[in-house]
Amino acid sequence: MPNYNSPALDKGLDILEYLSLNSTPQSQTEIAIGSDRKPNEIYRMLICLEERGYIMRNKISGKFSLSLKLYHLSHQHSSVNSIKEAALYPMQALSEFSKQSCHLSILYKNKVLIIAQSLSTGPISLSIQDGSLFPLYKTTSGRVILSQLMEKERLIYLKKDQHFNQLSEKNGKIYLTEVNNISKSGSIILNSETTHGVTDIAIPFGVKKINIVGSLTVTILSSQISETVTLQKILSKSKVTVENIYKNMGIN
C-alpha cells in the first residue's frame, strides 16, 4: 500500500489520541509535547477540533479535554450491525464455495445468538433465523465460543446450564477436555447435537476490543458431503472467510 501523507489529519488524530490517554485536561504545551510537536504547530488544529465539538476548553484554565462527541458517534452504529455488514460478502463466498449454508454467532448472556447467515446456493439448504438463541452446551458453535474463554469463565457459563449440571463428574471432565482441544486446534468438525443428519464445521470468531466472542459455522447435510468439496477444504475456506471479515472491519 502507498504511504500517503496527510499532515493536518495526522495532527488532529495525534491530539485526539493523546487526550484520550489523559484523564485530566491538558494545556496546548502539554499536548504539543505529548504528541511530539511544537505548540504553534497544533494551535489551528486545536481551534478546529474545538469548533467541531470534538474537544472542550476549560474557561478558567484554558486546558483541553475530549468531549463526548466521539463516544456519541461510535454508538450511532451497533457493533453487531457492523459485523453483519463486514460478514455479508465473505459468508456468501463461503456458501458458494461449499454449496452449504453458514451462520455467524456470538455469545449473548448465557446463549449462542445467531447474528447472520448465508444460505446454500443449492436447491436444499439449512436455514437458521437471525436472532435465534441456542444453548452453549448443546451446540457446536457453543463449544467453539467456550473454547475462547478462560477456564474459570467457561465454568461460570456452563454452571448456568441445567444440562451440563446433570452430567456426571466424569462426563463433565470429558466435555471440558473436548472444549480445551478446540482451543488448541482452532476448529472442530462434529455431528450436530441439535439437528440429526447434520455435520458442523466451526471455527472461532472474535473481536476482543468490543468483547465479542463468536463462531463461524458451516452446516452440512450429511447426505451432501462430497468428495469434490471435502470437509477440510471447507474448513480452510472458513478460515479465509473469517480473515476477510476482519479485514472488512478494519482489523489487521
C-alpha atoms as a PDB file:
ATOM      1  CA  MET A   1       0.000   0.000   0.000  1.00  0.00           C
ATOM      2  CA  PRO A   2       1.355   3.503  -0.873  1.00  0.00           C
ATOM      3  CA  ASN A   3       2.090   5.809   2.070  1.00  0.00           C
ATOM      4  CA  TYR A   4       0.044   8.984   1.612  1.00  0.00           C
ATOM      5  CA  ASN A   5       0.940  11.849   3.926  1.00  0.00           C
ATOM      6  CA  SER A   6      -1.840  13.992   5.403  1.00  0.00           C
ATOM      7  CA  PRO A   7      -0.161  16.348   7.893  1.00  0.00           C
ATOM      8  CA  ALA A   8      -3.327  18.131   9.059  1.00  0.00           C
ATOM      9  CA  LEU A   9      -5.209  14.879   9.644  1.00  0.00           C
ATOM     10  CA  ASP A  10      -2.185  13.391  11.425  1.00  0.00           C
ATOM     11  CA  LYS A  11      -2.070  16.381  13.777  1.00  0.00           C
ATOM     12  CA  GLY A  12      -5.768  16.088  14.563  1.00  0.00           C
ATOM     13  CA  LEU A  13      -5.573  12.370  15.243  1.00  0.00           C
ATOM     14  CA  ASP A  14      -2.441  12.790  17.364  1.00  0.00           C
ATOM     15  CA  ILE A  15      -4.276  15.344  19.522  1.00  0.00           C
ATOM     16  CA  LEU A  16      -7.352  13.151  19.956  1.00  0.00           C
ATOM     17  CA  GLU A  17      -5.282  10.069  20.748  1.00  0.00           C
ATOM     18  CA  TYR A  18      -3.150  11.964  23.261  1.00  0.00           C
ATOM     19  CA  LEU A  19      -6.177  13.432  25.042  1.00  0.00           C
ATOM     20  CA  SER A  20      -7.814  10.001  25.168  1.00  0.00           C
ATOM     21  CA  LEU A  21      -4.844   8.730  27.184  1.00  0.00           C
ATOM     22  CA  ASN A  22      -5.097  11.512  29.774  1.00  0.00           C
ATOM     23  CA  SER A  23      -7.967  11.766  32.222  1.00  0.00           C
ATOM     24  CA  THR A  24      -7.165  15.378  33.164  1.00  0.00           C
ATOM     25  CA  PRO A  25      -7.362  18.456  30.877  1.00  0.00           C
ATOM     26  CA  GLN A  26      -4.130  19.278  29.058  1.00  0.00           C
ATOM     27  CA  SER A  27      -2.612  22.595  28.024  1.00  0.00           C
ATOM     28  CA  GLN A  28      -1.554  23.415  24.488  1.00  0.00           C
ATOM     29  CA  THR A  29       2.082  22.973  25.510  1.00  0.00           C
ATOM     30  CA  GLU A  30       1.406  19.620  27.196  1.00  0.00           C
ATOM     31  CA  ILE A  31      -0.453  18.361  24.135  1.00  0.00           C
ATOM     32  CA  ALA A  32       2.364  19.516  21.861  1.00  0.00           C
ATOM     33  CA  ILE A  33       4.982  17.733  23.952  1.00  0.00           C
ATOM     34  CA  GLY A  34       2.816  14.617  24.254  1.00  0.00           C
ATOM     35  CA  SER A  35       2.263  14.422  20.507  1.00  0.00           C
ATOM     36  CA  ASP A  36       5.905  15.335  19.704  1.00  0.00           C
ATOM     37  CA  ARG A  37       5.029  18.633  18.050  1.00  0.00           C
ATOM     38  CA  LYS A  38       5.570  22.365  18.615  1.00  0.00           C
ATOM     39  CA  PRO A  39       2.826  24.392  20.382  1.00  0.00           C
ATOM     40  CA  ASN A  40       2.317  26.783  17.451  1.00  0.00           C
ATOM     41  CA  GLU A  41       2.116  23.772  15.114  1.00  0.00           C
ATOM     42  CA  ILE A  42      -1.093  22.488  16.710  1.00  0.00           C
ATOM     43  CA  TYR A  43      -2.813  25.791  17.557  1.00  0.00           C
ATOM     44  CA  ARG A  44      -5.072  25.947  14.490  1.00  0.00           C
ATOM     45  CA  MET A  45      -5.922  22.257  14.801  1.00  0.00           C
ATOM     46  CA  LEU A  46      -6.996  22.738  18.427  1.00  0.00           C
ATOM     47  CA  ILE A  47      -9.287  25.587  17.378  1.00  0.00           C
ATOM     48  CA  CYS A  48     -10.768  23.454  14.585  1.00  0.00           C
ATOM     49  CA  LEU A  49     -11.391  20.458  16.859  1.00  0.00           C
ATOM     50  CA  GLU A  50     -12.994  22.735  19.457  1.00  0.00           C
ATOM     51  CA  GLU A  51     -15.267  24.362  16.864  1.00  0.00           C
ATOM     52  CA  ARG A  52     -16.333  20.926  15.596  1.00  0.00           C
ATOM     53  CA  GLY A  53     -17.126  19.811  19.123  1.00  0.00           C
ATOM     54  CA  TYR A  54     -14.513  17.054  19.461  1.00  0.00           C
ATOM     55  CA  ILE A  55     -12.660  18.757  22.306  1.00  0.00           C
ATOM     56  CA  MET A  56     -13.593  21.271  25.023  1.00  0.00           C
ATOM     57  CA  ARG A  57     -11.587  24.135  26.501  1.00  0.00           C
ATOM     58  CA  ASN A  58     -11.889  24.929  30.194  1.00  0.00           C
ATOM     59  CA  LYS A  59     -12.905  28.609  30.512  1.00  0.00           C
ATOM     60  CA  ILE A  60     -10.713  29.148  33.586  1.00  0.00           C
ATOM     61  CA  SER A  61      -7.541  27.128  32.905  1.00  0.00           C
ATOM     62  CA  GLY A  62      -7.718  27.181  29.109  1.00  0.00           C
ATOM     63  CA  LYS A  63      -6.813  23.486  29.061  1.00  0.00           C
ATOM     64  CA  PHE A  64      -8.341  20.998  26.646  1.00  0.00           C
ATOM     65  CA  SER A  65     -10.142  17.681  27.116  1.00  0.00           C
ATOM     66  CA  LEU A  66     -12.181  15.338  24.948  1.00  0.00           C
ATOM     67  CA  SER A  67     -15.903  15.961  24.607  1.00  0.00           C
ATOM     68  CA  LEU A  68     -18.459  13.146  24.330  1.00  0.00           C
ATOM     69  CA  LYS A  69     -18.794  13.577  20.558  1.00  0.00           C
ATOM     70  CA  LEU A  70     -16.546  10.642  19.668  1.00  0.00           C
ATOM     71  CA  TYR A  71     -18.457   8.462  22.126  1.00  0.00           C
ATOM     72  CA  HIS A  72     -21.748   9.545  20.567  1.00  0.00           C
ATOM     73  CA  LEU A  73     -20.527   8.865  17.023  1.00  0.00           C
ATOM     74  CA  SER A  74     -19.211   5.423  17.943  1.00  0.00           C
ATOM     75  CA  HIS A  75     -22.601   4.431  19.375  1.00  0.00           C
ATOM     76  CA  GLN A  76     -24.700   5.527  16.419  1.00  0.00           C
ATOM     77  CA  HIS A  77     -23.997   2.138  14.807  1.00  0.00           C
ATOM     78  CA  SER A  78     -24.157  -1.026  16.866  1.00  0.00           C
ATOM     79  CA  SER A  79     -21.195  -3.387  16.804  1.00  0.00           C
ATOM     80  CA  VAL A  80     -23.452  -6.256  15.700  1.00  0.00           C
ATOM     81  CA  ASN A  81     -24.632  -4.334  12.630  1.00  0.00           C
ATOM     82  CA  SER A  82     -21.028  -3.524  11.754  1.00  0.00           C
ATOM     83  CA  ILE A  83     -20.087  -7.197  11.997  1.00  0.00           C
ATOM     84  CA  LYS A  84     -23.070  -8.233   9.858  1.00  0.00           C
ATOM     85  CA  GLU A  85     -22.118  -5.768   7.133  1.00  0.00           C
ATOM     86  CA  ALA A  86     -18.489  -6.893   7.199  1.00  0.00           C
ATOM     87  CA  ALA A  87     -19.512 -10.573   7.054  1.00  0.00           C
ATOM     88  CA  LEU A  88     -22.092 -10.363   4.253  1.00  0.00           C
ATOM     89  CA  TYR A  89     -19.928 -10.939   1.182  1.00  0.00           C
ATOM     90  CA  PRO A  90     -17.307 -13.228   2.757  1.00  0.00           C
ATOM     91  CA  MET A  91     -20.080 -15.515   4.013  1.00  0.00           C
ATOM     92  CA  GLN A  92     -21.792 -15.520   0.635  1.00  0.00           C
ATOM     93  CA  ALA A  93     -18.493 -16.554  -0.952  1.00  0.00           C
ATOM     94  CA  LEU A  94     -18.180 -19.364   1.589  1.00  0.00           C
ATOM     95  CA  SER A  95     -21.695 -20.626   0.794  1.00  0.00           C
ATOM     96  CA  GLU A  96     -20.994 -20.552  -2.929  1.00  0.00           C
ATOM     97  CA  PHE A  97     -17.742 -22.456  -2.450  1.00  0.00           C
ATOM     98  CA  SER A  98     -19.098 -25.087  -0.081  1.00  0.00           C
ATOM     99  CA  LYS A  99     -22.633 -25.333  -1.551  1.00  0.00           C
ATOM    100  CA  GLN A 100     -23.762 -25.228   2.094  1.00  0.00           C
ATOM    101  CA  SER A 101     -25.318 -22.755   4.475  1.00  0.00           C
ATOM    102  CA  CYS A 102     -23.258 -20.982   7.107  1.00  0.00           C
ATOM    103  CA  HIS A 103     -24.002 -18.752  10.052  1.00  0.00           C
ATOM    104  CA  LEU A 104     -22.205 -16.389  12.382  1.00  0.00           C
ATOM    105  CA  SER A 105     -22.987 -16.481  16.088  1.00  0.00           C
ATOM    106  CA  ILE A 106     -21.824 -14.674  19.206  1.00  0.00           C
ATOM    107  CA  LEU A 107     -22.006 -15.144  22.955  1.00  0.00           C
ATOM    108  CA  TYR A 108     -25.050 -13.364  24.366  1.00  0.00           C
ATOM    109  CA  LYS A 109     -25.569 -13.677  28.120  1.00  0.00           C
ATOM    110  CA  ASN A 110     -25.557 -17.471  28.526  1.00  0.00           C
ATOM    111  CA  LYS A 111     -26.652 -18.333  24.991  1.00  0.00           C
ATOM    112  CA  VAL A 112     -25.460 -18.594  21.410  1.00  0.00           C
ATOM    113  CA  LEU A 113     -27.027 -15.749  19.421  1.00  0.00           C
ATOM    114  CA  ILE A 114     -27.238 -16.074  15.613  1.00  0.00           C
ATOM    115  CA  ILE A 115     -26.457 -12.676  14.082  1.00  0.00           C
ATOM    116  CA  ALA A 116     -26.012 -13.535  10.384  1.00  0.00           C
ATOM    117  CA  GLN A 117     -26.470 -16.377   7.930  1.00  0.00           C
ATOM    118  CA  SER A 118     -25.837 -17.152   4.276  1.00  0.00           C
ATOM    119  CA  LEU A 119     -27.947 -19.817   2.629  1.00  0.00           C
ATOM    120  CA  SER A 120     -26.673 -22.585   0.399  1.00  0.00           C
ATOM    121  CA  THR A 121     -26.774 -21.908  -3.329  1.00  0.00           C
ATOM    122  CA  GLY A 122     -28.122 -25.438  -3.879  1.00  0.00           C
ATOM    123  CA  PRO A 123     -31.790 -26.474  -4.095  1.00  0.00           C
ATOM    124  CA  ILE A 124     -31.790 -27.664  -0.462  1.00  0.00           C
ATOM    125  CA  SER A 125     -30.391 -25.568   2.346  1.00  0.00           C
ATOM    126  CA  LEU A 126     -30.489 -25.322   6.113  1.00  0.00           C
ATOM    127  CA  SER A 127     -31.749 -22.028   7.475  1.00  0.00           C
ATOM    128  CA  ILE A 128     -31.243 -20.658  10.981  1.00  0.00           C
ATOM    129  CA  GLN A 129     -33.170 -17.485  11.678  1.00  0.00           C
ATOM    130  CA  ASP A 130     -31.163 -14.400  12.659  1.00  0.00           C
ATOM    131  CA  GLY A 131     -31.782 -13.624  16.309  1.00  0.00           C
ATOM    132  CA  SER A 132     -32.275 -17.270  17.275  1.00  0.00           C
ATOM    133  CA  LEU A 133     -30.869 -18.335  20.640  1.00  0.00           C
ATOM    134  CA  PHE A 134     -29.317 -21.732  21.384  1.00  0.00           C
ATOM    135  CA  PRO A 135     -27.687 -23.240  24.478  1.00  0.00           C
ATOM    136  CA  LEU A 136     -23.906 -23.096  24.752  1.00  0.00           C
ATOM    137  CA  TYR A 137     -23.548 -26.649  25.996  1.00  0.00           C
ATOM    138  CA  LYS A 138     -25.516 -28.457  23.273  1.00  0.00           C
ATOM    139  CA  THR A 139     -24.226 -26.670  20.164  1.00  0.00           C
ATOM    140  CA  THR A 140     -21.067 -26.855  18.094  1.00  0.00           C
ATOM    141  CA  SER A 141     -20.942 -23.058  17.981  1.00  0.00           C
ATOM    142  CA  GLY A 142     -21.239 -23.008  21.756  1.00  0.00           C
ATOM    143  CA  ARG A 143     -18.236 -25.279  22.158  1.00  0.00           C
ATOM    144  CA  VAL A 144     -16.169 -23.023  19.909  1.00  0.00           C
ATOM    145  CA  ILE A 145     -17.269 -19.944  21.856  1.00  0.00           C
ATOM    146  CA  LEU A 146     -16.412 -21.606  25.169  1.00  0.00           C
ATOM    147  CA  SER A 147     -13.007 -22.604  23.795  1.00  0.00           C
ATOM    148  CA  GLN A 148     -12.069 -18.914  23.564  1.00  0.00           C
ATOM    149  CA  LEU A 149     -12.780 -18.210  27.227  1.00  0.00           C
ATOM    150  CA  MET A 150     -10.535 -18.723  30.207  1.00  0.00           C
ATOM    151  CA  GLU A 151     -11.229 -21.952  32.106  1.00  0.00           C
ATOM    152  CA  LYS A 152     -12.857 -20.110  35.021  1.00  0.00           C
ATOM    153  CA  GLU A 153     -15.156 -18.232  32.630  1.00  0.00           C
ATOM    154  CA  ARG A 154     -16.173 -21.471  30.910  1.00  0.00           C
ATOM    155  CA  LEU A 155     -17.271 -22.961  34.200  1.00  0.00           C
ATOM    156  CA  ILE A 156     -19.219 -19.841  35.149  1.00  0.00           C
ATOM    157  CA  TYR A 157     -21.262 -20.071  31.943  1.00  0.00           C
ATOM    158  CA  LEU A 158     -21.638 -23.842  31.986  1.00  0.00           C
ATOM    159  CA  LYS A 159     -22.827 -23.959  35.576  1.00  0.00           C
ATOM    160  CA  LYS A 160     -25.806 -21.877  34.466  1.00  0.00           C
ATOM    161  CA  ASP A 161     -26.807 -24.680  32.053  1.00  0.00           C
ATOM    162  CA  GLN A 162     -29.052 -27.331  33.585  1.00  0.00           C
ATOM    163  CA  HIS A 163     -27.994 -29.970  31.042  1.00  0.00           C
ATOM    164  CA  PHE A 164     -24.314 -29.552  31.886  1.00  0.00           C
ATOM    165  CA  ASN A 165     -25.099 -29.662  35.589  1.00  0.00           C
ATOM    166  CA  GLN A 166     -26.800 -33.026  35.080  1.00  0.00           C
ATOM    167  CA  LEU A 167     -23.603 -34.584  33.716  1.00  0.00           C
ATOM    168  CA  SER A 168     -21.614 -36.926  35.886  1.00  0.00           C
ATOM    169  CA  GLU A 169     -18.245 -35.644  37.079  1.00  0.00           C
ATOM    170  CA  LYS A 170     -16.524 -37.933  34.552  1.00  0.00           C
ATOM    171  CA  ASN A 171     -18.610 -36.754  31.573  1.00  0.00           C
ATOM    172  CA  GLY A 172     -18.233 -33.153  32.660  1.00  0.00           C
ATOM    173  CA  LYS A 173     -14.446 -33.508  32.541  1.00  0.00           C
ATOM    174  CA  ILE A 174     -14.664 -35.175  29.118  1.00  0.00           C
ATOM    175  CA  TYR A 175     -16.710 -32.256  27.802  1.00  0.00           C
ATOM    176  CA  LEU A 176     -14.270 -29.681  29.179  1.00  0.00           C
ATOM    177  CA  THR A 177     -11.372 -31.606  27.638  1.00  0.00           C
ATOM    178  CA  GLU A 178     -13.115 -31.504  24.259  1.00  0.00           C
ATOM    179  CA  VAL A 179     -13.568 -27.749  24.579  1.00  0.00           C
ATOM    180  CA  ASN A 180      -9.910 -27.353  25.527  1.00  0.00           C
ATOM    181  CA  ASN A 181      -8.891 -29.358  22.442  1.00  0.00           C
ATOM    182  CA  ILE A 182     -10.841 -26.934  20.256  1.00  0.00           C
ATOM    183  CA  SER A 183      -8.893 -24.104  21.864  1.00  0.00           C
ATOM    184  CA  LYS A 184      -5.659 -25.807  20.812  1.00  0.00           C
ATOM    185  CA  SER A 185      -6.697 -26.827  17.287  1.00  0.00           C
ATOM    186  CA  GLY A 186      -8.717 -23.705  16.436  1.00  0.00           C
ATOM    187  CA  SER A 187     -11.547 -25.643  14.786  1.00  0.00           C
ATOM    188  CA  ILE A 188     -13.994 -28.524  15.116  1.00  0.00           C
ATOM    189  CA  ILE A 189     -15.832 -30.882  12.781  1.00  0.00           C
ATOM    190  CA  LEU A 190     -18.717 -32.504  14.633  1.00  0.00           C
ATOM    191  CA  ASN A 191     -22.071 -34.165  14.088  1.00  0.00           C
ATOM    192  CA  SER A 192     -24.677 -31.702  15.281  1.00  0.00           C
ATOM    193  CA  GLU A 193     -26.241 -32.496  18.646  1.00  0.00           C
ATOM    194  CA  THR A 194     -29.278 -30.322  17.955  1.00  0.00           C
ATOM    195  CA  THR A 195     -30.113 -31.396  14.382  1.00  0.00           C
ATOM    196  CA  HIS A 196     -29.914 -35.016  13.227  1.00  0.00           C
ATOM    197  CA  GLY A 197     -28.196 -35.714   9.912  1.00  0.00           C
ATOM    198  CA  VAL A 198     -26.125 -32.520  10.029  1.00  0.00           C
ATOM    199  CA  THR A 199     -22.356 -32.118  10.240  1.00  0.00           C
ATOM    200  CA  ASP A 200     -20.963 -28.844  11.578  1.00  0.00           C
ATOM    201  CA  ILE A 201     -17.649 -27.230  10.734  1.00  0.00           C
ATOM    202  CA  ALA A 202     -16.901 -24.376  13.110  1.00  0.00           C
ATOM    203  CA  ILE A 203     -14.030 -22.009  13.827  1.00  0.00           C
ATOM    204  CA  PRO A 204     -13.585 -19.141  16.296  1.00  0.00           C
ATOM    205  CA  PHE A 205     -14.574 -15.568  15.544  1.00  0.00           C
ATOM    206  CA  GLY A 206     -13.931 -12.778  17.992  1.00  0.00           C
ATOM    207  CA  VAL A 207     -13.233  -9.075  18.456  1.00  0.00           C
ATOM    208  CA  LYS A 208     -11.531  -8.552  21.808  1.00  0.00           C
ATOM    209  CA  LYS A 209     -11.734  -4.747  21.724  1.00  0.00           C
ATOM    210  CA  ILE A 210     -15.533  -4.844  21.894  1.00  0.00           C
ATOM    211  CA  ASN A 211     -15.777  -8.076  23.913  1.00  0.00           C
ATOM    212  CA  ILE A 212     -17.278 -10.110  21.079  1.00  0.00           C
ATOM    213  CA  VAL A 213     -16.728 -13.876  21.217  1.00  0.00           C
ATOM    214  CA  GLY A 214     -18.294 -15.971  18.496  1.00  0.00           C
ATOM    215  CA  SER A 215     -18.133 -18.705  15.901  1.00  0.00           C
ATOM    216  CA  LEU A 216     -18.443 -19.136  12.155  1.00  0.00           C
ATOM    217  CA  THR A 217     -20.208 -22.424  11.436  1.00  0.00           C
ATOM    218  CA  VAL A 218     -20.918 -24.255   8.192  1.00  0.00           C
ATOM    219  CA  THR A 219     -23.874 -26.643   8.452  1.00  0.00           C
ATOM    220  CA  ILE A 220     -23.809 -29.611   6.078  1.00  0.00           C
ATOM    221  CA  LEU A 221     -26.484 -32.187   5.456  1.00  0.00           C
ATOM    222  CA  SER A 222     -24.574 -35.436   5.947  1.00  0.00           C
ATOM    223  CA  SER A 223     -26.008 -36.786   2.691  1.00  0.00           C
ATOM    224  CA  GLN A 224     -24.478 -33.828   0.823  1.00  0.00           C
ATOM    225  CA  ILE A 225     -20.883 -34.340   1.909  1.00  0.00           C
ATOM    226  CA  SER A 226     -18.976 -34.764  -1.336  1.00  0.00           C
ATOM    227  CA  GLU A 227     -15.511 -35.788  -2.370  1.00  0.00           C
ATOM    228  CA  THR A 228     -15.022 -32.701  -4.544  1.00  0.00           C
ATOM    229  CA  VAL A 229     -15.592 -30.155  -1.784  1.00  0.00           C
ATOM    230  CA  THR A 230     -14.183 -32.022   1.194  1.00  0.00           C
ATOM    231  CA  LEU A 231     -14.653 -31.069   4.829  1.00  0.00           C
ATOM    232  CA  GLN A 232     -11.018 -29.999   5.028  1.00  0.00           C
ATOM    233  CA  LYS A 233     -11.425 -27.704   2.007  1.00  0.00           C
ATOM    234  CA  ILE A 234     -14.487 -26.128   3.613  1.00  0.00           C
ATOM    235  CA  LEU A 235     -12.556 -25.717   6.855  1.00  0.00           C
ATOM    236  CA  SER A 236      -9.716 -23.939   5.026  1.00  0.00           C
ATOM    237  CA  LYS A 237     -12.186 -21.682   3.214  1.00  0.00           C
ATOM    238  CA  SER A 238     -13.892 -20.904   6.544  1.00  0.00           C
ATOM    239  CA  LYS A 239     -10.598 -19.637   7.962  1.00  0.00           C
ATOM    240  CA  VAL A 240     -10.130 -17.384   4.928  1.00  0.00           C
ATOM    241  CA  THR A 241     -13.691 -16.147   5.420  1.00  0.00           C
ATOM    242  CA  VAL A 242     -13.021 -15.062   8.998  1.00  0.00           C
ATOM    243  CA  GLU A 243      -9.826 -13.296   7.885  1.00  0.00           C
ATOM    244  CA  ASN A 244     -11.831 -11.409   5.240  1.00  0.00           C
ATOM    245  CA  ILE A 245     -14.460 -10.406   7.793  1.00  0.00           C
ATOM    246  CA  TYR A 246     -11.709  -8.987   9.979  1.00  0.00           C
ATOM    247  CA  LYS A 247     -10.292  -7.073   7.010  1.00  0.00           C
ATOM    248  CA  ASN A 248     -13.704  -5.590   6.256  1.00  0.00           C
ATOM    249  CA  MET A 249     -13.912  -4.492   9.884  1.00  0.00           C
ATOM    250  CA  GLY A 250     -10.505  -2.845   9.674  1.00  0.00           C
ATOM    251  CA  ILE A 251      -8.883  -5.400  11.963  1.00  0.00           C
ATOM    252  CA  ASN A 252      -5.400  -6.487  10.910  1.00  0.00           C
END
